[in-house]
Amino acid sequence: MLSLNNLSPSEGSRRKKKRVGRGPGSGRGKTATRGHKGARSRSGYKNKPGYEGGQMPLHRRLPKRGFTNIFKKEFVIVSLDALNKFENGVTVDRTALLEAGVIQEKDGLIKVLANGEITSSVTVDVDKVSSGARAKIEAAGGSVKD
């Protein structure tokens, strides 16, 4: 029976450690497989990520592309059917959406899109509302604050 005290690795799966620098008879003596001279032959050698031995590194050989707009506004999208959680006459703003669990604290600007249908008449006070969503909210008896 196989148990923890008689486990052994399968045949040929484990190799002996390469012992270097143990004299000329070992075949790995003298330079201990490090070659002659150069950075890697010395002790204390450290390699920086991306360093290619003096060759122009890949991240500098590739062309620069594109542009990142640091002023871009990221919107979190709220569907109309998510607003059905709220009762009639309620003002749906950031705090109300947070308490209802529709958005998270870390989310930035809020935009309501016309996905789904809305049945409750609520007042929506968020950063942006699509024209389709505005029409559906007003058709349900609600309003949108600008």
C-alpha atoms as a PDB file:
ATOM      1  CA  MET A   1       0.000   0.000   0.000  1.00  0.00           C
ATOM      2  CA  LEU A   2       1.228   3.499  -0.839  1.00  0.00           C
ATOM      3  CA  SER A   3       1.537   5.873   2.127  1.00  0.00           C
ATOM      4  CA  LEU A   4       3.558   8.943   3.116  1.00  0.00           C
ATOM      5  CA  ASN A   5       6.453   6.962   4.605  1.00  0.00           C
ATOM      6  CA  ASN A   6       7.157   4.958   1.448  1.00  0.00           C
ATOM      7  CA  LEU A   7       6.642   7.589  -1.274  1.00  0.00           C
ATOM      8  CA  SER A   8       9.431   7.892  -3.823  1.00  0.00           C
ATOM      9  CA  PRO A   9       9.725   9.761  -7.107  1.00  0.00           C
ATOM     10  CA  SER A  10       9.201   7.793 -10.297  1.00  0.00           C
ATOM     11  CA  GLU A  11      12.279   6.399 -12.062  1.00  0.00           C
ATOM     12  CA  GLY A  12      14.138   9.043 -14.107  1.00  0.00           C
ATOM     13  CA  SER A  13      12.152  12.027 -12.836  1.00  0.00           C
ATOM     14  CA  ARG A  14      14.878  13.342 -10.516  1.00  0.00           C
ATOM     15  CA  ARG A  15      18.435  14.297 -11.557  1.00  0.00           C
ATOM     16  CA  LYS A  16      21.502  14.813  -9.443  1.00  0.00           C
ATOM     17  CA  LYS A  17      22.566  18.417  -8.875  1.00  0.00           C
ATOM     18  CA  LYS A  18      25.299  19.647 -11.270  1.00  0.00           C
ATOM     19  CA  ARG A  19      28.399  20.071  -9.076  1.00  0.00           C
ATOM     20  CA  VAL A  20      30.681  22.629 -10.696  1.00  0.00           C
ATOM     21  CA  GLY A  21      34.178  23.835  -9.838  1.00  0.00           C
ATOM     22  CA  ARG A  22      35.379  20.497  -8.467  1.00  0.00           C
ATOM     23  CA  GLY A  23      38.583  20.079 -10.410  1.00  0.00           C
ATOM     24  CA  PRO A  24      39.604  19.271 -13.987  1.00  0.00           C
ATOM     25  CA  GLY A  25      38.629  15.593 -13.732  1.00  0.00           C
ATOM     26  CA  SER A  26      34.976  16.442 -13.283  1.00  0.00           C
ATOM     27  CA  GLY A  27      34.687  18.113 -16.695  1.00  0.00           C
ATOM     28  CA  ARG A  28      33.207  21.172 -14.960  1.00  0.00           C
ATOM     29  CA  GLY A  29      36.271  22.532 -13.188  1.00  0.00           C
ATOM     30  CA  LYS A  30      38.252  25.761 -13.649  1.00  0.00           C
ATOM     31  CA  THR A  31      35.635  28.210 -14.997  1.00  0.00           C
ATOM     32  CA  ALA A  32      32.750  26.142 -13.567  1.00  0.00           C
ATOM     33  CA  THR A  33      30.651  26.311 -16.788  1.00  0.00           C
ATOM     34  CA  ARG A  34      30.710  30.141 -16.717  1.00  0.00           C
ATOM     35  CA  GLY A  35      32.994  30.634 -19.727  1.00  0.00           C
ATOM     36  CA  HIS A  36      35.862  33.153 -19.831  1.00  0.00           C
ATOM     37  CA  LYS A  37      35.515  36.793 -18.743  1.00  0.00           C
ATOM     38  CA  GLY A  38      32.374  38.899 -19.111  1.00  0.00           C
ATOM     39  CA  ALA A  39      29.680  39.922 -16.653  1.00  0.00           C
ATOM     40  CA  ARG A  40      28.132  36.488 -16.128  1.00  0.00           C
ATOM     41  CA  SER A  41      31.471  34.955 -15.252  1.00  0.00           C
ATOM     42  CA  ARG A  42      31.922  37.240 -12.249  1.00  0.00           C
ATOM     43  CA  SER A  43      30.388  36.885  -8.828  1.00  0.00           C
ATOM     44  CA  GLY A  44      27.712  39.381  -7.822  1.00  0.00           C
ATOM     45  CA  TYR A  45      26.293  39.589 -11.355  1.00  0.00           C
ATOM     46  CA  LYS A  46      22.779  41.024 -11.477  1.00  0.00           C
ATOM     47  CA  ASN A  47      20.653  41.424 -14.595  1.00  0.00           C
ATOM     48  CA  LYS A  48      18.083  44.199 -14.943  1.00  0.00           C
ATOM     49  CA  PRO A  49      14.726  43.250 -16.513  1.00  0.00           C
ATOM     50  CA  GLY A  50      14.789  43.952 -20.250  1.00  0.00           C
ATOM     51  CA  TYR A  51      18.610  44.169 -20.421  1.00  0.00           C
ATOM     52  CA  GLU A  52      19.934  42.379 -23.509  1.00  0.00           C
ATOM     53  CA  GLY A  53      23.680  42.603 -23.013  1.00  0.00           C
ATOM     54  CA  GLY A  54      24.111  45.981 -24.689  1.00  0.00           C
ATOM     55  CA  GLN A  55      21.839  45.179 -27.629  1.00  0.00           C
ATOM     56  CA  MET A  56      19.004  47.680 -28.000  1.00  0.00           C
ATOM     57  CA  PRO A  57      16.251  46.207 -25.811  1.00  0.00           C
ATOM     58  CA  LEU A  58      12.957  45.120 -27.327  1.00  0.00           C
ATOM     59  CA  HIS A  59      10.923  47.796 -25.548  1.00  0.00           C
ATOM     60  CA  ARG A  60      13.110  50.462 -27.193  1.00  0.00           C
ATOM     61  CA  ARG A  61      13.172  48.794 -30.634  1.00  0.00           C
ATOM     62  CA  LEU A  62       9.386  48.764 -30.965  1.00  0.00           C
ATOM     63  CA  PRO A  63       7.678  51.886 -32.337  1.00  0.00           C
ATOM     64  CA  LYS A  64       5.646  54.113 -30.076  1.00  0.00           C
ATOM     65  CA  ARG A  65       1.964  54.082 -30.977  1.00  0.00           C
ATOM     66  CA  GLY A  66      -1.153  55.886 -29.867  1.00  0.00           C
ATOM     67  CA  PHE A  67      -2.022  58.439 -27.270  1.00  0.00           C
ATOM     68  CA  THR A  68      -3.510  58.247 -23.780  1.00  0.00           C
ATOM     69  CA  ASN A  69      -5.823  61.094 -22.885  1.00  0.00           C
ATOM     70  CA  ILE A  70      -5.228  61.804 -19.195  1.00  0.00           C
ATOM     71  CA  PHE A  71      -8.407  63.901 -19.025  1.00  0.00           C
ATOM     72  CA  LYS A  72     -10.707  61.115 -20.309  1.00  0.00           C
ATOM     73  CA  LYS A  73     -13.913  60.730 -18.298  1.00  0.00           C
ATOM     74  CA  GLU A  74     -14.817  57.136 -17.375  1.00  0.00           C
ATOM     75  CA  PHE A  75     -18.541  56.527 -16.901  1.00  0.00           C
ATOM     76  CA  VAL A  76     -20.137  53.640 -15.028  1.00  0.00           C
ATOM     77  CA  ILE A  77     -23.223  52.521 -16.926  1.00  0.00           C
ATOM     78  CA  VAL A  78     -26.589  52.092 -15.189  1.00  0.00           C
ATOM     79  CA  SER A  79     -29.452  50.458 -17.105  1.00  0.00           C
ATOM     80  CA  LEU A  80     -33.033  51.685 -16.855  1.00  0.00           C
ATOM     81  CA  ASP A  81     -34.295  48.385 -15.435  1.00  0.00           C
ATOM     82  CA  ALA A  82     -31.911  48.885 -12.469  1.00  0.00           C
ATOM     83  CA  LEU A  83     -33.945  51.996 -11.577  1.00  0.00           C
ATOM     84  CA  ASN A  84     -37.056  49.831 -11.012  1.00  0.00           C
ATOM     85  CA  LYS A  85     -35.666  49.045  -7.528  1.00  0.00           C
ATOM     86  CA  PHE A  86     -36.697  52.516  -6.418  1.00  0.00           C
ATOM     87  CA  GLU A  87     -40.215  53.521  -5.366  1.00  0.00           C
ATOM     88  CA  ASN A  88     -42.278  56.204  -7.097  1.00  0.00           C
ATOM     89  CA  GLY A  89     -41.305  59.804  -6.342  1.00  0.00           C
ATOM     90  CA  VAL A  90     -37.793  58.973  -5.107  1.00  0.00           C
ATOM     91  CA  THR A  91     -34.787  61.004  -6.288  1.00  0.00           C
ATOM     92  CA  VAL A  92     -32.199  58.632  -7.747  1.00  0.00           C
ATOM     93  CA  ASP A  93     -28.732  60.117  -7.263  1.00  0.00           C
ATOM     94  CA  ARG A  94     -25.263  58.807  -6.435  1.00  0.00           C
ATOM     95  CA  THR A  95     -26.013  58.084  -2.752  1.00  0.00           C
ATOM     96  CA  ALA A  96     -29.273  56.289  -3.577  1.00  0.00           C
ATOM     97  CA  LEU A  97     -27.531  54.122  -6.179  1.00  0.00           C
ATOM     98  CA  LEU A  98     -24.747  53.315  -3.692  1.00  0.00           C
ATOM     99  CA  GLU A  99     -27.215  52.281  -0.977  1.00  0.00           C
ATOM    100  CA  ALA A 100     -29.130  50.109  -3.449  1.00  0.00           C
ATOM    101  CA  GLY A 101     -25.875  48.398  -4.512  1.00  0.00           C
ATOM    102  CA  VAL A 102     -26.214  49.420  -8.166  1.00  0.00           C
ATOM    103  CA  ILE A 103     -22.827  51.168  -8.203  1.00  0.00           C
ATOM    104  CA  GLN A 104     -19.693  50.935  -6.050  1.00  0.00           C
ATOM    105  CA  GLU A 105     -17.859  53.598  -4.041  1.00  0.00           C
ATOM    106  CA  LYS A 106     -14.876  53.570  -6.419  1.00  0.00           C
ATOM    107  CA  ASP A 107     -17.004  54.163  -9.527  1.00  0.00           C
ATOM    108  CA  GLY A 108     -16.593  57.530 -11.180  1.00  0.00           C
ATOM    109  CA  LEU A 109     -19.194  59.402 -13.220  1.00  0.00           C
ATOM    110  CA  ILE A 110     -22.625  57.812 -13.748  1.00  0.00           C
ATOM    111  CA  LYS A 111     -24.512  57.507 -17.033  1.00  0.00           C
ATOM    112  CA  VAL A 112     -28.003  56.069 -17.434  1.00  0.00           C
ATOM    113  CA  LEU A 113     -28.630  54.172 -20.692  1.00  0.00           C
ATOM    114  CA  ALA A 114     -31.961  53.071 -22.175  1.00  0.00           C
ATOM    115  CA  ASN A 115     -31.371  49.326 -21.637  1.00  0.00           C
ATOM    116  CA  GLY A 116     -34.624  47.672 -20.545  1.00  0.00           C
ATOM    117  CA  GLU A 117     -37.834  49.313 -19.422  1.00  0.00           C
ATOM    118  CA  ILE A 118     -38.694  51.524 -16.449  1.00  0.00           C
ATOM    119  CA  THR A 119     -42.004  51.275 -14.611  1.00  0.00           C
ATOM    120  CA  SER A 120     -41.499  53.534 -11.589  1.00  0.00           C
ATOM    121  CA  SER A 121     -41.709  57.323 -11.849  1.00  0.00           C
ATOM    122  CA  VAL A 122     -38.463  58.585 -10.317  1.00  0.00           C
ATOM    123  CA  THR A 123     -36.427  61.765 -10.496  1.00  0.00           C
ATOM    124  CA  VAL A 124     -32.985  60.955 -11.910  1.00  0.00           C
ATOM    125  CA  ASP A 125     -30.080  63.196 -10.843  1.00  0.00           C
ATOM    126  CA  VAL A 126     -26.838  61.749 -12.271  1.00  0.00           C
ATOM    127  CA  ASP A 127     -23.956  62.990 -14.442  1.00  0.00           C
ATOM    128  CA  LYS A 128     -25.359  61.933 -17.845  1.00  0.00           C
ATOM    129  CA  VAL A 129     -28.559  60.442 -19.254  1.00  0.00           C
ATOM    130  CA  SER A 130     -28.897  59.219 -22.834  1.00  0.00           C
ATOM    131  CA  SER A 131     -31.693  60.720 -24.941  1.00  0.00           C
ATOM    132  CA  GLY A 132     -33.448  57.347 -25.210  1.00  0.00           C
ATOM    133  CA  ALA A 133     -33.330  56.869 -21.440  1.00  0.00           C
ATOM    134  CA  ARG A 134     -34.609  60.420 -20.874  1.00  0.00           C
ATOM    135  CA  ALA A 135     -37.609  59.733 -23.144  1.00  0.00           C
ATOM    136  CA  LYS A 136     -38.438  56.456 -21.363  1.00  0.00           C
ATOM    137  CA  ILE A 137     -38.114  58.036 -17.868  1.00  0.00           C
ATOM    138  CA  GLU A 138     -40.418  60.912 -18.823  1.00  0.00           C
ATOM    139  CA  ALA A 139     -42.892  58.509 -20.483  1.00  0.00           C
ATOM    140  CA  ALA A 140     -43.059  56.556 -17.177  1.00  0.00           C
ATOM    141  CA  GLY A 141     -43.957  59.775 -15.332  1.00  0.00           C
ATOM    142  CA  GLY A 142     -40.484  60.558 -13.989  1.00  0.00           C
ATOM    143  CA  SER A 143     -38.129  63.445 -14.638  1.00  0.00           C
ATOM    144  CA  VAL A 144     -34.423  64.091 -15.247  1.00  0.00           C
ATOM    145  CA  LYS A 145     -32.535  66.881 -13.489  1.00  0.00           C
ATOM    146  CA  ASP A 146     -29.953  68.665 -15.605  1.00  0.00           C
END
